[in-house]
Amino acid sequence: MAFENNLFINCPFDKEFKPILKILIFSSIYLGYKPLLSETTNSAETRVDGIHDLISKAKYSIHDLSRMESTKENELARFNMPFELGIDIGCKKFGNTQMNKKCLLIFDKTKYRYQKSISDLSGNDIEIHNNDPEIALRKFRNWIYKIKSTKIDSANKIWRLYNEFNGDFFEIAKTDELSKADIEEMPLEEICLYITEWKKGRDHFK
């Protein structure tokens, strides 16, 4: 069942993107999925092997292409995200029966921008988040609904609960004696653990 519940998130890990990444992590856990992130790959293996392993374990994937361009003079464009998207598309197209069932959500920040770099994606549905975490949440939630075709909580409710978690985490951080640096540099896998434990505790008192 792990494959059916795993969700690979291929996105930037920079400070500016973190608000979107955090809501995607929270909402995926809230909706019953296990986020798999390339930050958690084993350092003993090559990065590409680690990425391939995560992709092969996940039925669902989110690929964000909003950081493809260079941001400084003489800086090369960043193609990690489209490269990983290509691996995932290859797995879906040429893999075994299980891989053929993979579902991919592709994000960008503005409409048609991706076509300047990856024209082969023309004709695919690309969701636009405008660098807005709440929009990204709504696009993700609606994507899950279209796949599952069953009643799930609204994006508005998930957003409210996400803010509730952030408020509770302030108290959790004090209890666990987390410094500002501890929180800012916390591994994503540990953030997932805190969200999972918070949700379990909240569900227990429903």
N, C-alpha and C. Protein backbone atom coordinates (compact mmCIF):
# COMPACT_ATOMS: atom_id res chain seq x y z
N MET A 1 0.82 -1.22 0.00
CA MET A 1 0.00 0.00 0.00
C MET A 1 0.86 1.27 0.00
N ALA A 2 2.15 1.16 0.33
CA ALA A 2 2.98 2.36 0.44
C ALA A 2 2.97 3.16 -0.86
N PHE A 3 3.09 2.48 -2.00
CA PHE A 3 3.11 3.15 -3.30
C PHE A 3 1.84 3.98 -3.49
N GLU A 4 0.71 3.43 -3.10
CA GLU A 4 -0.59 4.10 -3.28
C GLU A 4 -0.71 5.38 -2.46
N ASN A 5 0.05 5.48 -1.38
CA ASN A 5 -0.07 6.63 -0.48
C ASN A 5 1.12 7.59 -0.54
N ASN A 6 2.15 7.22 -1.28
CA ASN A 6 3.35 8.06 -1.35
C ASN A 6 3.19 9.17 -2.39
N LEU A 7 3.69 10.37 -2.03
CA LEU A 7 3.61 11.53 -2.91
C LEU A 7 4.98 12.19 -2.99
N PHE A 8 5.60 12.12 -4.16
CA PHE A 8 6.92 12.71 -4.37
C PHE A 8 6.77 14.19 -4.66
N ILE A 9 7.51 15.03 -3.93
CA ILE A 9 7.45 16.48 -4.14
C ILE A 9 8.78 16.95 -4.70
N ASN A 10 8.77 17.39 -5.93
CA ASN A 10 9.95 17.89 -6.64
C ASN A 10 9.80 19.40 -6.76
N CYS A 11 10.51 20.12 -5.91
CA CYS A 11 10.33 21.57 -5.89
C CYS A 11 11.58 22.25 -5.37
N PRO A 12 11.66 23.57 -5.47
CA PRO A 12 12.81 24.30 -4.91
C PRO A 12 12.80 24.21 -3.39
N PHE A 13 13.98 24.30 -2.79
CA PHE A 13 14.08 24.30 -1.33
C PHE A 13 14.58 25.65 -0.82
N ASP A 14 14.50 26.69 -1.64
CA ASP A 14 14.98 27.99 -1.21
C ASP A 14 13.99 28.66 -0.25
N LYS A 15 14.48 29.69 0.41
CA LYS A 15 13.69 30.38 1.44
C LYS A 15 12.40 30.97 0.88
N GLU A 16 12.46 31.50 -0.34
CA GLU A 16 11.29 32.15 -0.93
C GLU A 16 10.17 31.15 -1.23
N PHE A 17 10.56 29.91 -1.55
CA PHE A 17 9.54 28.92 -1.91
C PHE A 17 8.99 28.18 -0.68
N LYS A 18 9.64 28.33 0.45
CA LYS A 18 9.29 27.53 1.63
C LYS A 18 7.82 27.63 2.03
N PRO A 19 7.17 28.80 1.98
CA PRO A 19 5.74 28.85 2.34
C PRO A 19 4.88 27.92 1.49
N ILE A 20 5.19 27.81 0.19
CA ILE A 20 4.43 26.90 -0.67
C ILE A 20 4.78 25.45 -0.33
N LEU A 21 6.06 25.18 -0.13
CA LEU A 21 6.48 23.81 0.20
C LEU A 21 5.81 23.34 1.48
N LYS A 22 5.77 24.20 2.50
CA LYS A 22 5.20 23.79 3.79
C LYS A 22 3.71 23.49 3.69
N ILE A 23 2.97 24.28 2.92
CA ILE A 23 1.54 23.99 2.81
C ILE A 23 1.31 22.73 1.98
N LEU A 24 2.17 22.45 1.01
CA LEU A 24 2.04 21.21 0.24
C LEU A 24 2.34 20.00 1.11
N ILE A 25 3.33 20.12 1.97
CA ILE A 25 3.65 19.04 2.91
C ILE A 25 2.49 18.83 3.87
N PHE A 26 2.02 19.93 4.47
CA PHE A 26 0.92 19.82 5.44
C PHE A 26 -0.32 19.22 4.81
N SER A 27 -0.73 19.74 3.65
CA SER A 27 -1.98 19.28 3.04
C SER A 27 -1.88 17.84 2.55
N SER A 28 -0.70 17.43 2.10
CA SER A 28 -0.55 16.03 1.66
C SER A 28 -0.68 15.09 2.85
N ILE A 29 -0.07 15.44 3.98
CA ILE A 29 -0.20 14.62 5.19
C ILE A 29 -1.65 14.64 5.68
N TYR A 30 -2.25 15.81 5.69
CA TYR A 30 -3.64 15.94 6.15
C TYR A 30 -4.58 15.08 5.33
N LEU A 31 -4.34 14.98 4.04
CA LEU A 31 -5.21 14.20 3.15
C LEU A 31 -4.83 12.73 3.08
N GLY A 32 -3.86 12.33 3.90
CA GLY A 32 -3.55 10.90 4.03
C GLY A 32 -2.40 10.39 3.20
N TYR A 33 -1.55 11.29 2.69
CA TYR A 33 -0.42 10.88 1.87
C TYR A 33 0.89 11.07 2.61
N LYS A 34 1.90 10.34 2.18
CA LYS A 34 3.23 10.47 2.77
C LYS A 34 4.13 11.22 1.80
N PRO A 35 4.57 12.43 2.15
CA PRO A 35 5.44 13.19 1.25
C PRO A 35 6.84 12.57 1.18
N LEU A 36 7.37 12.45 -0.02
CA LEU A 36 8.74 12.01 -0.24
C LEU A 36 9.48 13.18 -0.88
N LEU A 37 10.58 13.61 -0.24
CA LEU A 37 11.30 14.78 -0.72
C LEU A 37 12.76 14.44 -0.98
N SER A 38 13.32 15.05 -2.02
CA SER A 38 14.70 14.71 -2.40
C SER A 38 15.70 15.13 -1.33
N GLU A 39 15.32 16.05 -0.45
CA GLU A 39 16.21 16.46 0.64
C GLU A 39 16.52 15.28 1.56
N THR A 40 15.64 14.28 1.58
CA THR A 40 15.80 13.16 2.50
C THR A 40 16.53 11.98 1.87
N THR A 41 17.08 12.13 0.66
CA THR A 41 17.78 11.01 0.03
C THR A 41 19.04 10.67 0.80
N ASN A 42 19.43 9.41 0.76
CA ASN A 42 20.60 8.90 1.46
C ASN A 42 21.86 9.47 0.84
N SER A 43 22.72 10.10 1.66
CA SER A 43 23.94 10.71 1.13
C SER A 43 24.94 9.68 0.63
N ALA A 44 24.73 8.41 0.97
CA ALA A 44 25.65 7.36 0.54
C ALA A 44 25.41 6.97 -0.92
N GLU A 45 24.29 7.37 -1.49
CA GLU A 45 24.00 7.05 -2.88
C GLU A 45 24.03 8.32 -3.72
N THR A 46 24.23 8.17 -5.02
CA THR A 46 24.25 9.35 -5.87
C THR A 46 22.87 10.00 -5.84
N ARG A 47 22.84 11.31 -6.03
CA ARG A 47 21.57 12.03 -5.95
C ARG A 47 20.57 11.51 -6.97
N VAL A 48 21.03 11.25 -8.20
CA VAL A 48 20.09 10.81 -9.23
C VAL A 48 19.50 9.45 -8.89
N ASP A 49 20.31 8.57 -8.28
CA ASP A 49 19.79 7.26 -7.86
C ASP A 49 18.76 7.44 -6.75
N GLY A 50 19.04 8.38 -5.83
CA GLY A 50 18.09 8.64 -4.75
C GLY A 50 16.78 9.19 -5.28
N ILE A 51 16.86 10.09 -6.25
CA ILE A 51 15.66 10.66 -6.86
C ILE A 51 14.86 9.56 -7.56
N HIS A 52 15.56 8.73 -8.32
CA HIS A 52 14.88 7.64 -9.04
C HIS A 52 14.16 6.71 -8.06
N ASP A 53 14.81 6.44 -6.92
CA ASP A 53 14.22 5.57 -5.91
C ASP A 53 12.93 6.17 -5.35
N LEU A 54 12.97 7.47 -5.05
CA LEU A 54 11.78 8.14 -4.51
C LEU A 54 10.65 8.15 -5.54
N ILE A 55 10.98 8.47 -6.78
CA ILE A 55 9.97 8.52 -7.83
C ILE A 55 9.32 7.16 -8.03
N SER A 56 10.13 6.11 -7.99
CA SER A 56 9.60 4.75 -8.22
C SER A 56 8.71 4.28 -7.08
N LYS A 57 8.81 4.93 -5.91
CA LYS A 57 8.02 4.53 -4.74
C LYS A 57 6.69 5.30 -4.64
N ALA A 58 6.50 6.31 -5.51
CA ALA A 58 5.35 7.20 -5.34
C ALA A 58 4.38 7.12 -6.51
N LYS A 59 3.12 6.87 -6.19
CA LYS A 59 2.09 6.90 -7.23
C LYS A 59 1.79 8.33 -7.65
N TYR A 60 1.94 9.26 -6.70
CA TYR A 60 1.60 10.66 -6.96
C TYR A 60 2.87 11.53 -6.91
N SER A 61 2.89 12.56 -7.73
CA SER A 61 4.05 13.47 -7.75
C SER A 61 3.60 14.90 -8.00
N ILE A 62 4.29 15.82 -7.34
CA ILE A 62 4.13 17.24 -7.62
C ILE A 62 5.47 17.74 -8.17
N HIS A 63 5.44 18.39 -9.31
CA HIS A 63 6.66 18.94 -9.92
C HIS A 63 6.48 20.44 -10.11
N ASP A 64 7.30 21.22 -9.44
CA ASP A 64 7.20 22.68 -9.54
C ASP A 64 8.34 23.21 -10.43
N LEU A 65 7.97 23.94 -11.47
CA LEU A 65 8.94 24.45 -12.44
C LEU A 65 9.18 25.95 -12.31
N SER A 66 8.81 26.51 -11.17
CA SER A 66 8.83 27.97 -11.03
C SER A 66 10.22 28.57 -10.83
N ARG A 67 11.25 27.74 -10.66
CA ARG A 67 12.59 28.27 -10.43
C ARG A 67 13.56 27.86 -11.54
N MET A 68 13.07 27.69 -12.75
CA MET A 68 13.95 27.24 -13.84
C MET A 68 14.95 28.31 -14.28
N GLU A 69 14.56 29.59 -14.17
CA GLU A 69 15.41 30.64 -14.72
C GLU A 69 16.53 31.01 -13.75
N SER A 70 17.60 31.59 -14.29
CA SER A 70 18.68 32.10 -13.45
C SER A 70 18.22 33.41 -12.81
N THR A 71 18.76 33.71 -11.64
CA THR A 71 18.34 34.92 -10.92
C THR A 71 19.45 35.96 -10.85
N LYS A 72 20.67 35.58 -11.24
CA LYS A 72 21.81 36.51 -11.19
C LYS A 72 22.52 36.52 -12.53
N GLU A 73 23.26 37.57 -12.77
CA GLU A 73 24.03 37.68 -14.01
C GLU A 73 25.07 36.57 -14.08
N ASN A 74 25.21 35.94 -15.24
CA ASN A 74 26.17 34.86 -15.49
C ASN A 74 25.85 33.58 -14.72
N GLU A 75 24.66 33.51 -14.14
CA GLU A 75 24.25 32.30 -13.44
C GLU A 75 23.48 31.40 -14.40
N LEU A 76 23.82 30.10 -14.39
CA LEU A 76 23.12 29.16 -15.25
C LEU A 76 21.72 28.90 -14.73
N ALA A 77 20.81 28.64 -15.65
CA ALA A 77 19.44 28.29 -15.24
C ALA A 77 19.44 26.96 -14.50
N ARG A 78 18.45 26.78 -13.63
CA ARG A 78 18.37 25.56 -12.83
C ARG A 78 17.40 24.57 -13.48
N PHE A 79 17.94 23.40 -13.82
CA PHE A 79 17.12 22.42 -14.53
C PHE A 79 16.90 21.13 -13.73
N ASN A 80 17.20 21.16 -12.43
CA ASN A 80 16.96 19.97 -11.61
C ASN A 80 15.49 19.55 -11.65
N MET A 81 14.59 20.53 -11.48
CA MET A 81 13.17 20.20 -11.40
C MET A 81 12.63 19.63 -12.71
N PRO A 82 12.89 20.25 -13.87
CA PRO A 82 12.41 19.63 -15.11
C PRO A 82 13.09 18.30 -15.41
N PHE A 83 14.34 18.13 -14.97
CA PHE A 83 15.02 16.85 -15.16
C PHE A 83 14.30 15.75 -14.39
N GLU A 84 13.94 16.04 -13.14
CA GLU A 84 13.23 15.05 -12.33
C GLU A 84 11.83 14.79 -12.87
N LEU A 85 11.19 15.82 -13.41
CA LEU A 85 9.90 15.64 -14.07
C LEU A 85 10.05 14.68 -15.24
N GLY A 86 11.12 14.84 -16.01
CA GLY A 86 11.36 13.95 -17.15
C GLY A 86 11.53 12.50 -16.72
N ILE A 87 12.24 12.29 -15.61
CA ILE A 87 12.40 10.92 -15.09
C ILE A 87 11.04 10.33 -14.74
N ASP A 88 10.21 11.14 -14.10
CA ASP A 88 8.89 10.67 -13.66
C ASP A 88 8.00 10.34 -14.86
N ILE A 89 8.02 11.21 -15.87
CA ILE A 89 7.23 10.94 -17.08
C ILE A 89 7.71 9.66 -17.75
N GLY A 90 9.04 9.45 -17.76
CA GLY A 90 9.59 8.23 -18.33
C GLY A 90 9.15 6.99 -17.57
N CYS A 91 9.12 7.09 -16.23
CA CYS A 91 8.65 5.96 -15.41
C CYS A 91 7.20 5.63 -15.74
N LYS A 92 6.38 6.66 -15.85
CA LYS A 92 4.96 6.46 -16.14
C LYS A 92 4.76 5.85 -17.52
N LYS A 93 5.54 6.32 -18.48
CA LYS A 93 5.36 5.89 -19.87
C LYS A 93 5.94 4.51 -20.14
N PHE A 94 7.12 4.24 -19.60
CA PHE A 94 7.84 3.02 -19.97
C PHE A 94 7.98 2.01 -18.83
N GLY A 95 7.47 2.34 -17.65
CA GLY A 95 7.60 1.44 -16.51
C GLY A 95 6.59 0.30 -16.55
N ASN A 96 6.56 -0.46 -15.45
CA ASN A 96 5.64 -1.59 -15.36
C ASN A 96 4.21 -1.11 -15.13
N THR A 97 3.31 -2.04 -14.94
CA THR A 97 1.89 -1.70 -14.79
C THR A 97 1.65 -0.74 -13.63
N GLN A 98 2.38 -0.94 -12.53
CA GLN A 98 2.23 -0.05 -11.38
C GLN A 98 2.66 1.37 -11.73
N MET A 99 3.79 1.50 -12.44
CA MET A 99 4.29 2.81 -12.84
C MET A 99 3.32 3.53 -13.78
N ASN A 100 2.61 2.76 -14.60
CA ASN A 100 1.65 3.35 -15.56
C ASN A 100 0.51 4.06 -14.85
N LYS A 101 0.30 3.75 -13.56
CA LYS A 101 -0.80 4.36 -12.79
C LYS A 101 -0.40 5.68 -12.14
N LYS A 102 0.84 6.10 -12.32
CA LYS A 102 1.31 7.32 -11.67
C LYS A 102 0.51 8.54 -12.11
N CYS A 103 0.32 9.48 -11.18
CA CYS A 103 -0.41 10.73 -11.44
C CYS A 103 0.50 11.91 -11.12
N LEU A 104 0.63 12.83 -12.06
CA LEU A 104 1.56 13.94 -11.91
C LEU A 104 0.83 15.29 -11.92
N LEU A 105 1.20 16.14 -10.97
CA LEU A 105 0.72 17.53 -10.93
C LEU A 105 1.91 18.43 -11.22
N ILE A 106 1.80 19.28 -12.24
CA ILE A 106 2.88 20.17 -12.62
C ILE A 106 2.48 21.61 -12.31
N PHE A 107 3.36 22.30 -11.57
CA PHE A 107 3.12 23.69 -11.18
C PHE A 107 4.09 24.63 -11.89
N ASP A 108 3.65 25.84 -12.13
CA ASP A 108 4.54 26.94 -12.50
C ASP A 108 3.97 28.20 -11.87
N LYS A 109 4.76 29.28 -11.91
CA LYS A 109 4.31 30.49 -11.22
C LYS A 109 3.46 31.41 -12.10
N THR A 110 3.70 31.39 -13.41
CA THR A 110 2.91 32.20 -14.32
C THR A 110 2.55 31.40 -15.57
N LYS A 111 1.46 31.75 -16.19
CA LYS A 111 0.93 31.00 -17.32
C LYS A 111 1.86 31.08 -18.54
N TYR A 112 2.08 29.94 -19.17
CA TYR A 112 2.84 29.79 -20.41
C TYR A 112 4.34 30.06 -20.27
N ARG A 113 4.82 30.44 -19.08
CA ARG A 113 6.24 30.73 -18.90
C ARG A 113 7.10 29.52 -19.22
N TYR A 114 6.65 28.34 -18.80
CA TYR A 114 7.43 27.10 -18.99
C TYR A 114 7.69 26.80 -20.46
N GLN A 115 6.81 27.28 -21.35
CA GLN A 115 6.95 26.95 -22.77
C GLN A 115 8.20 27.56 -23.39
N LYS A 116 8.75 28.60 -22.75
CA LYS A 116 9.98 29.21 -23.25
C LYS A 116 11.16 28.26 -23.09
N SER A 117 11.08 27.36 -22.11
CA SER A 117 12.19 26.44 -21.86
C SER A 117 11.87 25.01 -22.23
N ILE A 118 10.60 24.59 -22.02
CA ILE A 118 10.23 23.19 -22.26
C ILE A 118 9.00 23.16 -23.14
N SER A 119 9.20 23.39 -24.41
CA SER A 119 8.05 23.44 -25.33
C SER A 119 7.36 22.09 -25.46
N ASP A 120 8.07 21.00 -25.13
CA ASP A 120 7.48 19.66 -25.23
C ASP A 120 6.31 19.47 -24.26
N LEU A 121 6.20 20.35 -23.26
CA LEU A 121 5.10 20.24 -22.29
C LEU A 121 3.82 20.89 -22.80
N SER A 122 3.89 21.52 -23.96
CA SER A 122 2.68 22.12 -24.53
C SER A 122 1.60 21.05 -24.70
N GLY A 123 0.38 21.40 -24.30
CA GLY A 123 -0.71 20.43 -24.37
C GLY A 123 -0.97 19.76 -23.04
N ASN A 124 -0.02 19.87 -22.09
CA ASN A 124 -0.22 19.33 -20.75
C ASN A 124 -0.88 20.39 -19.87
N ASP A 125 -1.66 19.94 -18.91
CA ASP A 125 -2.28 20.87 -17.97
C ASP A 125 -1.26 21.29 -16.92
N ILE A 126 -0.87 22.54 -16.94
CA ILE A 126 0.06 23.09 -15.97
C ILE A 126 -0.73 24.01 -15.05
N GLU A 127 -0.67 23.75 -13.74
CA GLU A 127 -1.39 24.58 -12.78
C GLU A 127 -0.52 25.77 -12.36
N ILE A 128 -1.11 26.93 -12.27
CA ILE A 128 -0.38 28.16 -11.95
C ILE A 128 -0.70 28.59 -10.51
N HIS A 129 0.36 28.81 -9.70
CA HIS A 129 0.13 29.20 -8.30
C HIS A 129 0.48 30.66 -8.00
N ASN A 130 1.08 31.38 -8.95
CA ASN A 130 1.40 32.80 -8.75
C ASN A 130 2.23 33.05 -7.49
N ASN A 131 3.02 32.05 -7.10
CA ASN A 131 3.84 32.15 -5.88
C ASN A 131 3.00 32.38 -4.63
N ASP A 132 1.77 31.91 -4.65
CA ASP A 132 0.84 32.10 -3.54
C ASP A 132 0.53 30.74 -2.90
N PRO A 133 0.90 30.53 -1.62
CA PRO A 133 0.68 29.24 -0.96
C PRO A 133 -0.78 28.81 -0.94
N GLU A 134 -1.69 29.76 -0.74
CA GLU A 134 -3.12 29.40 -0.67
C GLU A 134 -3.64 28.94 -2.03
N ILE A 135 -3.16 29.56 -3.10
CA ILE A 135 -3.55 29.11 -4.44
C ILE A 135 -2.98 27.72 -4.70
N ALA A 136 -1.72 27.51 -4.32
CA ALA A 136 -1.08 26.19 -4.51
C ALA A 136 -1.87 25.11 -3.78
N LEU A 137 -2.29 25.40 -2.56
CA LEU A 137 -3.10 24.46 -1.78
C LEU A 137 -4.38 24.12 -2.53
N ARG A 138 -5.08 25.13 -3.02
CA ARG A 138 -6.37 24.90 -3.69
C ARG A 138 -6.18 24.06 -4.96
N LYS A 139 -5.13 24.35 -5.72
CA LYS A 139 -4.85 23.58 -6.94
C LYS A 139 -4.54 22.12 -6.59
N PHE A 140 -3.76 21.92 -5.52
CA PHE A 140 -3.39 20.57 -5.10
C PHE A 140 -4.61 19.81 -4.61
N ARG A 141 -5.40 20.46 -3.75
CA ARG A 141 -6.60 19.81 -3.20
C ARG A 141 -7.56 19.41 -4.32
N ASN A 142 -7.77 20.29 -5.27
CA ASN A 142 -8.69 20.00 -6.37
C ASN A 142 -8.16 18.88 -7.27
N TRP A 143 -6.85 18.83 -7.43
CA TRP A 143 -6.21 17.74 -8.20
C TRP A 143 -6.49 16.39 -7.53
N ILE A 144 -6.32 16.35 -6.21
CA ILE A 144 -6.59 15.12 -5.46
C ILE A 144 -8.06 14.73 -5.60
N TYR A 145 -8.94 15.71 -5.52
CA TYR A 145 -10.37 15.40 -5.66
C TYR A 145 -10.67 14.79 -7.03
N LYS A 146 -10.11 15.36 -8.08
CA LYS A 146 -10.35 14.84 -9.43
C LYS A 146 -9.87 13.40 -9.57
N ILE A 147 -8.79 13.07 -8.88
CA ILE A 147 -8.26 11.71 -8.94
C ILE A 147 -9.15 10.75 -8.14
N LYS A 148 -9.51 11.16 -6.94
CA LYS A 148 -10.23 10.29 -6.02
C LYS A 148 -11.74 10.28 -6.27
N SER A 149 -12.28 11.40 -6.74
CA SER A 149 -13.73 11.53 -6.96
C SER A 149 -14.53 11.13 -5.73
N THR A 150 -14.04 11.55 -4.58
CA THR A 150 -14.75 11.30 -3.33
C THR A 150 -14.65 12.55 -2.46
N LYS A 151 -15.55 12.70 -1.52
CA LYS A 151 -15.61 13.91 -0.70
C LYS A 151 -14.34 14.07 0.14
N ILE A 152 -13.72 15.23 0.05
CA ILE A 152 -12.59 15.57 0.90
C ILE A 152 -12.79 16.99 1.41
N ASP A 153 -12.07 17.35 2.45
CA ASP A 153 -12.22 18.68 3.03
C ASP A 153 -11.83 19.77 2.03
N SER A 154 -12.44 20.92 2.19
CA SER A 154 -12.20 22.04 1.28
C SER A 154 -10.81 22.63 1.50
N ALA A 155 -10.34 23.34 0.49
CA ALA A 155 -9.06 24.04 0.62
C ALA A 155 -9.14 25.08 1.73
N ASN A 156 -10.29 25.71 1.88
CA ASN A 156 -10.47 26.72 2.92
C ASN A 156 -10.29 26.11 4.32
N LYS A 157 -10.86 24.91 4.52
CA LYS A 157 -10.72 24.25 5.82
C LYS A 157 -9.28 23.82 6.07
N ILE A 158 -8.63 23.27 5.05
CA ILE A 158 -7.24 22.83 5.20
C ILE A 158 -6.34 24.02 5.51
N TRP A 159 -6.60 25.15 4.85
CA TRP A 159 -5.82 26.37 5.11
C TRP A 159 -6.00 26.84 6.56
N ARG A 160 -7.25 26.77 7.04
CA ARG A 160 -7.51 27.15 8.44
C ARG A 160 -6.76 26.25 9.40
N LEU A 161 -6.78 24.94 9.14
CA LEU A 161 -6.10 23.99 10.01
C LEU A 161 -4.58 24.15 9.94
N TYR A 162 -4.09 24.52 8.77
CA TYR A 162 -2.65 24.77 8.62
C TYR A 162 -2.23 25.93 9.51
N ASN A 163 -3.02 26.97 9.53
CA ASN A 163 -2.72 28.11 10.39
C ASN A 163 -2.88 27.76 11.87
N GLU A 164 -3.82 26.86 12.16
CA GLU A 164 -3.98 26.35 13.53
C GLU A 164 -2.73 25.58 13.94
N PHE A 165 -2.22 24.75 13.04
CA PHE A 165 -0.98 24.01 13.32
C PHE A 165 0.17 24.97 13.59
N ASN A 166 0.31 26.00 12.77
CA ASN A 166 1.40 26.96 12.96
C ASN A 166 1.31 27.65 14.31
N GLY A 167 0.07 27.95 14.75
CA GLY A 167 -0.11 28.54 16.06
C GLY A 167 0.26 27.57 17.17
N ASP A 168 -0.16 26.32 17.04
CA ASP A 168 0.17 25.31 18.04
C ASP A 168 1.66 25.01 18.05
N PHE A 169 2.28 25.08 16.87
CA PHE A 169 3.71 24.76 16.78
C PHE A 169 4.55 25.76 17.57
N PHE A 170 4.06 26.98 17.70
CA PHE A 170 4.76 27.98 18.51
C PHE A 170 4.91 27.48 19.94
N GLU A 171 3.85 26.87 20.48
CA GLU A 171 3.90 26.31 21.84
C GLU A 171 4.72 25.03 21.88
N ILE A 172 4.59 24.20 20.83
CA ILE A 172 5.37 22.96 20.75
C ILE A 172 6.86 23.29 20.74
N ALA A 173 7.23 24.33 20.00
CA ALA A 173 8.63 24.72 19.90
C ALA A 173 9.18 25.14 21.26
N LYS A 174 8.36 25.83 22.05
CA LYS A 174 8.80 26.23 23.39
C LYS A 174 8.98 25.01 24.28
N THR A 175 8.03 24.06 24.19
CA THR A 175 8.11 22.84 24.99
C THR A 175 9.35 22.03 24.64
N ASP A 176 9.66 21.95 23.34
CA ASP A 176 10.80 21.16 22.88
C ASP A 176 12.10 21.96 22.86
N GLU A 177 12.03 23.20 23.37
CA GLU A 177 13.21 24.09 23.45
C GLU A 177 13.88 24.26 22.09
N LEU A 178 13.07 24.53 21.08
CA LEU A 178 13.60 24.76 19.74
C LEU A 178 13.96 26.24 19.57
N SER A 179 15.17 26.49 19.14
CA SER A 179 15.58 27.87 18.88
C SER A 179 15.08 28.30 17.50
N LYS A 180 15.23 29.59 17.21
CA LYS A 180 14.85 30.08 15.89
C LYS A 180 15.64 29.36 14.80
N ALA A 181 16.93 29.15 15.08
CA ALA A 181 17.79 28.44 14.12
C ALA A 181 17.35 26.98 13.97
N ASP A 182 16.96 26.36 15.09
CA ASP A 182 16.47 24.97 15.03
C ASP A 182 15.28 24.86 14.09
N ILE A 183 14.37 25.82 14.19
CA ILE A 183 13.15 25.80 13.37
C ILE A 183 13.48 26.10 11.91
N GLU A 184 14.30 27.13 11.68
CA GLU A 184 14.62 27.54 10.31
C GLU A 184 15.40 26.47 9.56
N GLU A 185 16.25 25.71 10.28
CA GLU A 185 17.10 24.71 9.63
C GLU A 185 16.59 23.28 9.84
N MET A 186 15.38 23.15 10.33
CA MET A 186 14.83 21.82 10.61
C MET A 186 14.70 21.00 9.32
N PRO A 187 15.19 19.76 9.32
CA PRO A 187 15.03 18.91 8.14
C PRO A 187 13.55 18.72 7.81
N LEU A 188 13.24 18.65 6.54
CA LEU A 188 11.84 18.52 6.12
C LEU A 188 11.20 17.26 6.67
N GLU A 189 11.99 16.20 6.79
CA GLU A 189 11.45 14.95 7.33
C GLU A 189 10.98 15.14 8.77
N GLU A 190 11.69 15.99 9.52
CA GLU A 190 11.30 16.27 10.91
C GLU A 190 10.04 17.13 10.95
N ILE A 191 9.93 18.06 10.01
CA ILE A 191 8.70 18.86 9.91
C ILE A 191 7.51 17.94 9.65
N CYS A 192 7.71 16.96 8.76
CA CYS A 192 6.65 15.99 8.48
C CYS A 192 6.24 15.25 9.75
N LEU A 193 7.22 14.91 10.57
CA LEU A 193 6.94 14.20 11.82
C LEU A 193 6.11 15.06 12.76
N TYR A 194 6.46 16.32 12.90
CA TYR A 194 5.69 17.23 13.77
C TYR A 194 4.25 17.37 13.28
N ILE A 195 4.07 17.50 11.97
CA ILE A 195 2.72 17.63 11.42
C ILE A 195 1.91 16.36 11.67
N THR A 196 2.54 15.21 11.44
CA THR A 196 1.86 13.93 11.64
C THR A 196 1.44 13.75 13.09
N GLU A 197 2.34 14.07 14.03
CA GLU A 197 2.03 13.93 15.45
C GLU A 197 0.93 14.91 15.86
N TRP A 198 0.98 16.13 15.32
CA TRP A 198 -0.06 17.12 15.62
C TRP A 198 -1.42 16.63 15.14
N LYS A 199 -1.46 16.09 13.94
CA LYS A 199 -2.72 15.60 13.38
C LYS A 199 -3.27 14.43 14.20
N LYS A 200 -2.39 13.52 14.60
CA LYS A 200 -2.82 12.38 15.42
C LYS A 200 -3.43 12.87 16.72
N GLY A 201 -2.77 13.83 17.35
CA GLY A 201 -3.27 14.37 18.61
C GLY A 201 -4.60 15.07 18.44
N ARG A 202 -4.74 15.81 17.36
CA ARG A 202 -5.99 16.52 17.11
C ARG A 202 -7.12 15.55 16.80
N ASP A 203 -6.83 14.52 15.99
CA ASP A 203 -7.85 13.52 15.65
C ASP A 203 -8.32 12.77 16.90
N HIS A 204 -7.39 12.58 17.85
CA HIS A 204 -7.72 11.84 19.08
C HIS A 204 -8.78 12.56 19.91
N PHE A 205 -8.77 13.90 19.84
CA PHE A 205 -9.70 14.68 20.67
C PHE A 205 -10.92 15.18 19.91
N LYS A 206 -11.14 14.65 18.71
CA LYS A 206 -12.34 15.03 17.95
C LYS A 206 -13.59 14.52 18.64
